[in-house]
C-alpha cells in the first residue's frame, strides 16, 4: 500500500478510500481503479462493459476573493490537490472550506462557478 501511495504521490489513506471501489484516481491523464487482488477475466469484462459507471473523485476548485464588496473569481484548479500545491496549503483546509461560504485567509473555495 505504501508503494502505491508513493507512486500516486498521495497519502496511504487516499489509496484506502479508492481500494475496491468504483472511484478512480488520476495518474497523469489516465483514470486508475485500485483493487486489493487480481481481477478475474469476468470481473475485467464487467468493468469494461460498465466503464461509464466509474467515477473520478477529482473535485475542481473555483477560487474567489471579495474585492470592492464583490465576489471575484481569482483562479480555477482541476483538483483539490492541484489547488493545494499552488496555494501552499493542505487539501484538508480546502475540503474544510469548500462550498461553505466561509473564507480562509481572504479566499473562498467552491466546487462550482458562483
N, C-alpha and C. Protein backbone atom coordinates (compact mmCIF):
# COMPACT_ATOMS: atom_id res chain seq x y z
N UNK A 1 0.82 -1.18 0.00
CA UNK A 1 0.00 0.00 0.00
C UNK A 1 0.87 1.26 0.00
N UNK A 2 1.94 1.24 0.76
CA UNK A 2 2.84 2.39 0.81
C UNK A 2 3.47 2.65 -0.56
N UNK A 3 3.79 1.58 -1.29
CA UNK A 3 4.37 1.75 -2.63
C UNK A 3 3.36 2.40 -3.57
N UNK A 4 2.11 1.98 -3.48
CA UNK A 4 1.07 2.57 -4.33
C UNK A 4 0.89 4.04 -3.97
N UNK A 5 0.89 4.36 -2.69
CA UNK A 5 0.74 5.75 -2.26
C UNK A 5 1.90 6.60 -2.76
N UNK A 6 3.09 6.04 -2.69
CA UNK A 6 4.28 6.77 -3.18
C UNK A 6 4.18 6.96 -4.69
N UNK A 7 3.78 5.93 -5.41
CA UNK A 7 3.66 6.00 -6.87
C UNK A 7 2.66 7.08 -7.29
N UNK A 8 1.51 7.16 -6.60
CA UNK A 8 0.48 8.14 -6.93
C UNK A 8 0.71 9.48 -6.25
N UNK A 9 1.75 9.54 -5.40
CA UNK A 9 2.10 10.77 -4.68
C UNK A 9 0.93 11.27 -3.82
N UNK A 10 0.34 10.32 -3.07
CA UNK A 10 -0.77 10.63 -2.17
C UNK A 10 -0.53 9.94 -0.83
N UNK A 11 -1.33 10.30 0.15
CA UNK A 11 -1.30 9.65 1.44
C UNK A 11 -1.91 8.25 1.31
N UNK A 12 -1.47 7.31 2.11
CA UNK A 12 -1.99 5.94 2.02
C UNK A 12 -3.50 5.89 2.25
N UNK A 13 -4.05 6.86 2.99
CA UNK A 13 -5.50 6.88 3.23
C UNK A 13 -6.27 7.10 1.92
N UNK A 14 -5.67 7.83 0.99
CA UNK A 14 -6.31 8.02 -0.31
C UNK A 14 -6.41 6.68 -1.04
N UNK A 15 -5.38 5.87 -0.92
CA UNK A 15 -5.41 4.53 -1.53
C UNK A 15 -6.51 3.71 -0.87
N UNK A 16 -6.59 3.75 0.45
CA UNK A 16 -7.64 3.00 1.16
C UNK A 16 -9.03 3.45 0.73
N UNK A 17 -9.22 4.75 0.52
CA UNK A 17 -10.53 5.27 0.11
C UNK A 17 -10.93 4.81 -1.29
N UNK A 18 -9.96 4.52 -2.15
CA UNK A 18 -10.25 4.12 -3.52
C UNK A 18 -10.21 2.61 -3.72
N UNK A 19 -9.63 1.89 -2.78
CA UNK A 19 -9.42 0.46 -2.93
C UNK A 19 -10.75 -0.30 -3.01
N UNK A 20 -10.87 -1.12 -4.04
CA UNK A 20 -12.04 -1.98 -4.25
C UNK A 20 -13.35 -1.19 -4.39
N UNK A 21 -13.28 -0.02 -4.98
CA UNK A 21 -14.47 0.79 -5.23
C UNK A 21 -14.54 1.12 -6.71
N UNK A 22 -15.57 1.82 -7.11
CA UNK A 22 -15.66 2.31 -8.48
C UNK A 22 -15.20 3.76 -8.56
N UNK A 23 -14.47 4.20 -7.52
CA UNK A 23 -13.89 5.54 -7.53
C UNK A 23 -12.49 5.46 -8.12
N UNK A 24 -12.27 6.21 -9.16
CA UNK A 24 -10.96 6.20 -9.82
C UNK A 24 -10.10 7.31 -9.25
N UNK A 25 -8.81 7.10 -9.35
CA UNK A 25 -7.86 8.15 -9.04
C UNK A 25 -7.12 8.47 -10.33
N UNK A 26 -6.55 9.63 -10.41
CA UNK A 26 -5.90 10.05 -11.65
C UNK A 26 -4.39 9.88 -11.52
N UNK A 27 -3.79 9.28 -12.54
CA UNK A 27 -2.33 9.19 -12.65
C UNK A 27 -2.00 9.72 -14.02
N UNK A 28 -1.42 10.91 -14.06
CA UNK A 28 -1.17 11.55 -15.34
C UNK A 28 -2.50 11.91 -15.97
N UNK A 29 -2.73 11.47 -17.19
CA UNK A 29 -4.00 11.78 -17.85
C UNK A 29 -4.94 10.58 -17.89
N UNK A 30 -4.67 9.57 -17.04
CA UNK A 30 -5.49 8.36 -17.03
C UNK A 30 -6.17 8.18 -15.68
N UNK A 31 -7.38 7.61 -15.74
CA UNK A 31 -8.08 7.23 -14.51
C UNK A 31 -7.70 5.80 -14.17
N UNK A 32 -7.43 5.55 -12.89
CA UNK A 32 -6.96 4.24 -12.45
C UNK A 32 -7.87 3.72 -11.34
N UNK A 33 -8.28 2.46 -11.46
CA UNK A 33 -9.04 1.78 -10.41
C UNK A 33 -8.07 0.92 -9.60
N UNK A 34 -8.26 0.86 -8.30
CA UNK A 34 -7.36 0.13 -7.41
C UNK A 34 -8.09 -1.04 -6.76
N UNK A 35 -7.45 -2.21 -6.81
CA UNK A 35 -8.04 -3.41 -6.21
C UNK A 35 -7.00 -4.12 -5.35
N UNK A 36 -7.46 -4.81 -4.32
CA UNK A 36 -6.56 -5.49 -3.39
C UNK A 36 -6.11 -6.85 -3.90
N UNK A 37 -6.76 -7.35 -4.94
CA UNK A 37 -6.35 -8.63 -5.51
C UNK A 37 -6.55 -8.58 -7.02
N UNK A 38 -5.94 -9.52 -7.71
CA UNK A 38 -6.06 -9.56 -9.17
C UNK A 38 -7.50 -9.91 -9.56
N UNK A 39 -8.00 -9.20 -10.56
CA UNK A 39 -9.37 -9.44 -11.02
C UNK A 39 -9.42 -10.64 -11.96
N UNK A 40 -10.53 -11.35 -11.93
CA UNK A 40 -10.73 -12.44 -12.88
C UNK A 40 -11.06 -11.84 -14.24
N UNK A 41 -10.99 -12.64 -15.28
CA UNK A 41 -11.34 -12.15 -16.62
C UNK A 41 -12.79 -11.68 -16.66
N UNK A 42 -13.67 -12.37 -15.97
CA UNK A 42 -15.07 -11.99 -15.93
C UNK A 42 -15.24 -10.61 -15.26
N UNK A 43 -14.55 -10.39 -14.15
CA UNK A 43 -14.62 -9.09 -13.47
C UNK A 43 -14.07 -7.97 -14.36
N UNK A 44 -13.00 -8.25 -15.09
CA UNK A 44 -12.42 -7.26 -16.01
C UNK A 44 -13.42 -6.92 -17.12
N UNK A 45 -14.06 -7.95 -17.67
CA UNK A 45 -15.04 -7.72 -18.73
C UNK A 45 -16.21 -6.89 -18.21
N UNK A 46 -16.65 -7.19 -16.99
CA UNK A 46 -17.75 -6.44 -16.37
C UNK A 46 -17.37 -4.98 -16.21
N UNK A 47 -16.15 -4.72 -15.76
CA UNK A 47 -15.69 -3.34 -15.60
C UNK A 47 -15.65 -2.62 -16.94
N UNK A 48 -15.14 -3.28 -17.97
CA UNK A 48 -15.07 -2.66 -19.29
C UNK A 48 -16.46 -2.37 -19.84
N UNK A 49 -17.38 -3.31 -19.60
CA UNK A 49 -18.75 -3.14 -20.08
C UNK A 49 -19.44 -1.98 -19.37
N UNK A 50 -19.14 -1.78 -18.10
CA UNK A 50 -19.81 -0.76 -17.30
C UNK A 50 -18.88 0.42 -16.98
N UNK A 51 -17.95 0.71 -17.87
CA UNK A 51 -16.96 1.74 -17.56
C UNK A 51 -17.56 3.13 -17.37
N UNK A 52 -18.75 3.39 -17.89
CA UNK A 52 -19.37 4.69 -17.67
C UNK A 52 -19.75 4.87 -16.21
N UNK A 53 -19.84 3.78 -15.43
CA UNK A 53 -20.18 3.88 -14.02
C UNK A 53 -18.99 4.29 -13.16
N UNK A 54 -17.78 4.17 -13.71
CA UNK A 54 -16.59 4.53 -12.96
C UNK A 54 -16.60 6.03 -12.73
N UNK A 55 -16.35 6.41 -11.52
CA UNK A 55 -16.37 7.83 -11.17
C UNK A 55 -14.97 8.31 -10.83
N UNK A 56 -14.69 9.53 -11.20
CA UNK A 56 -13.44 10.17 -10.81
C UNK A 56 -13.73 11.02 -9.60
N UNK A 57 -12.96 10.83 -8.55
CA UNK A 57 -13.20 11.55 -7.32
C UNK A 57 -12.61 12.97 -7.35
N UNK A 58 -11.95 13.34 -8.42
CA UNK A 58 -11.35 14.65 -8.51
C UNK A 58 -12.41 15.74 -8.44
N UNK A 59 -12.16 16.73 -7.61
CA UNK A 59 -13.08 17.86 -7.46
C UNK A 59 -12.38 19.13 -7.92
N UNK A 60 -12.97 19.80 -8.90
CA UNK A 60 -12.41 21.07 -9.35
C UNK A 60 -12.62 22.12 -8.26
N UNK A 61 -11.74 23.10 -8.21
CA UNK A 61 -11.83 24.16 -7.21
C UNK A 61 -11.85 25.52 -7.91
N UNK A 62 -12.86 26.30 -7.56
CA UNK A 62 -13.00 27.67 -8.05
C UNK A 62 -12.62 28.57 -6.89
N UNK A 63 -11.63 29.42 -7.08
CA UNK A 63 -11.10 30.26 -6.03
C UNK A 63 -11.58 31.70 -6.21
N UNK A 64 -12.20 32.23 -5.16
CA UNK A 64 -12.76 33.58 -5.21
C UNK A 64 -12.19 34.44 -4.08
N UNK A 65 -12.27 35.75 -4.29
CA UNK A 65 -11.87 36.72 -3.28
C UNK A 65 -12.85 37.89 -3.37
N UNK A 66 -13.14 38.51 -2.24
CA UNK A 66 -14.01 39.69 -2.26
C UNK A 66 -13.14 40.92 -2.52
N UNK A 67 -13.47 41.61 -3.61
CA UNK A 67 -12.79 42.85 -3.98
C UNK A 67 -13.87 43.90 -4.20
N UNK A 68 -13.74 45.03 -3.50
CA UNK A 68 -14.75 46.10 -3.60
C UNK A 68 -16.16 45.56 -3.37
N UNK A 69 -16.29 44.74 -2.33
CA UNK A 69 -17.57 44.16 -1.92
C UNK A 69 -18.21 43.26 -2.98
N UNK A 70 -17.40 42.74 -3.89
CA UNK A 70 -17.90 41.85 -4.93
C UNK A 70 -17.06 40.58 -4.96
N UNK A 71 -17.71 39.43 -5.10
CA UNK A 71 -17.02 38.15 -5.17
C UNK A 71 -16.42 37.99 -6.56
N UNK A 72 -15.10 37.94 -6.64
CA UNK A 72 -14.38 37.90 -7.91
C UNK A 72 -13.63 36.57 -8.04
N UNK A 73 -13.78 35.94 -9.21
CA UNK A 73 -13.04 34.70 -9.49
C UNK A 73 -11.56 35.03 -9.67
N UNK A 74 -10.72 34.37 -8.88
CA UNK A 74 -9.27 34.58 -8.94
C UNK A 74 -8.60 33.53 -9.81
N UNK A 75 -9.02 32.26 -9.64
CA UNK A 75 -8.37 31.17 -10.36
C UNK A 75 -9.27 29.93 -10.30
N UNK A 76 -9.01 28.99 -11.19
CA UNK A 76 -9.66 27.68 -11.13
C UNK A 76 -8.58 26.61 -11.18
N UNK A 77 -8.84 25.51 -10.51
CA UNK A 77 -7.91 24.39 -10.48
C UNK A 77 -8.68 23.11 -10.80
N UNK A 78 -8.03 22.18 -11.46
CA UNK A 78 -8.67 20.93 -11.84
C UNK A 78 -8.91 19.97 -10.69
N UNK A 79 -8.24 20.20 -9.56
CA UNK A 79 -8.41 19.30 -8.43
C UNK A 79 -8.03 20.00 -7.13
N UNK A 80 -8.44 19.39 -6.02
CA UNK A 80 -8.05 19.93 -4.71
C UNK A 80 -6.54 19.82 -4.52
N UNK A 81 -5.96 18.72 -5.00
CA UNK A 81 -4.50 18.55 -4.88
C UNK A 81 -3.75 19.65 -5.61
N UNK A 82 -4.17 19.94 -6.81
CA UNK A 82 -3.51 20.97 -7.61
C UNK A 82 -3.67 22.34 -6.95
N UNK A 83 -4.85 22.63 -6.43
CA UNK A 83 -5.06 23.92 -5.76
C UNK A 83 -4.22 24.01 -4.49
N UNK A 84 -4.14 22.90 -3.74
CA UNK A 84 -3.34 22.90 -2.51
C UNK A 84 -1.87 23.15 -2.81
N UNK A 85 -1.36 22.52 -3.85
CA UNK A 85 0.05 22.72 -4.21
C UNK A 85 0.31 24.17 -4.61
N UNK A 86 -0.56 24.73 -5.44
CA UNK A 86 -0.38 26.10 -5.91
C UNK A 86 -0.54 27.13 -4.80
N UNK A 87 -1.43 26.86 -3.86
CA UNK A 87 -1.69 27.81 -2.78
C UNK A 87 -0.85 27.54 -1.54
N UNK A 88 -0.05 26.47 -1.61
CA UNK A 88 0.81 26.06 -0.50
C UNK A 88 0.02 25.89 0.80
N UNK A 89 -1.04 25.08 0.70
CA UNK A 89 -1.85 24.73 1.87
C UNK A 89 -2.29 23.28 1.72
N UNK A 90 -2.87 22.72 2.75
CA UNK A 90 -3.26 21.31 2.70
C UNK A 90 -4.62 21.14 2.02
N UNK A 91 -4.82 19.95 1.46
CA UNK A 91 -6.12 19.64 0.86
C UNK A 91 -7.20 19.58 1.95
N UNK A 92 -6.80 19.25 3.18
CA UNK A 92 -7.77 19.23 4.29
C UNK A 92 -8.37 20.61 4.49
N UNK A 93 -7.54 21.64 4.41
CA UNK A 93 -8.03 23.01 4.58
C UNK A 93 -9.01 23.35 3.47
N UNK A 94 -8.66 23.01 2.25
CA UNK A 94 -9.54 23.31 1.12
C UNK A 94 -10.86 22.56 1.27
N UNK A 95 -10.79 21.30 1.64
CA UNK A 95 -12.00 20.50 1.85
C UNK A 95 -12.87 21.10 2.96
N UNK A 96 -12.22 21.56 4.02
CA UNK A 96 -12.95 22.14 5.15
C UNK A 96 -13.75 23.38 4.74
N UNK A 97 -13.20 24.20 3.85
CA UNK A 97 -13.85 25.45 3.47
C UNK A 97 -14.61 25.37 2.14
N UNK A 98 -14.50 24.27 1.44
CA UNK A 98 -15.13 24.12 0.13
C UNK A 98 -16.66 24.19 0.25
N UNK A 99 -17.25 25.08 -0.53
CA UNK A 99 -18.71 25.25 -0.60
C UNK A 99 -19.38 25.63 0.72
N UNK A 100 -18.64 26.29 1.62
CA UNK A 100 -19.21 26.66 2.92
C UNK A 100 -19.58 28.13 3.01
N UNK A 101 -19.20 28.92 2.04
CA UNK A 101 -19.39 30.38 2.07
C UNK A 101 -18.60 31.03 3.20
N UNK A 102 -17.62 30.32 3.73
CA UNK A 102 -16.70 30.86 4.74
C UNK A 102 -15.35 31.05 4.07
N UNK A 103 -14.65 32.09 4.45
CA UNK A 103 -13.36 32.35 3.83
C UNK A 103 -12.21 31.87 4.70
N UNK A 104 -11.10 31.62 4.05
CA UNK A 104 -9.86 31.25 4.72
C UNK A 104 -8.77 32.13 4.12
N UNK A 105 -8.14 32.93 4.96
CA UNK A 105 -7.11 33.88 4.51
C UNK A 105 -7.62 34.73 3.35
N UNK A 106 -8.88 35.14 3.46
CA UNK A 106 -9.47 36.01 2.46
C UNK A 106 -9.91 35.32 1.18
N UNK A 107 -9.82 34.00 1.13
CA UNK A 107 -10.17 33.24 -0.07
C UNK A 107 -11.41 32.39 0.18
N UNK A 108 -12.25 32.28 -0.83
CA UNK A 108 -13.45 31.43 -0.80
C UNK A 108 -13.24 30.29 -1.79
N UNK A 109 -13.59 29.08 -1.37
CA UNK A 109 -13.38 27.89 -2.20
C UNK A 109 -14.73 27.27 -2.57
N UNK A 110 -14.92 27.03 -3.86
CA UNK A 110 -16.16 26.41 -4.34
C UNK A 110 -15.83 25.30 -5.33
N UNK A 111 -16.73 24.33 -5.43
CA UNK A 111 -16.56 23.25 -6.39
C UNK A 111 -17.36 23.52 -7.66
N UNK A 112 -17.82 24.75 -7.79
CA UNK A 112 -18.64 25.16 -8.94
C UNK A 112 -18.45 26.66 -9.15
N UNK A 113 -18.83 27.14 -10.31
CA UNK A 113 -18.72 28.57 -10.60
C UNK A 113 -19.84 29.31 -9.88
N UNK A 114 -19.52 30.39 -9.19
CA UNK A 114 -20.52 31.20 -8.46
C UNK A 114 -21.01 32.32 -9.36
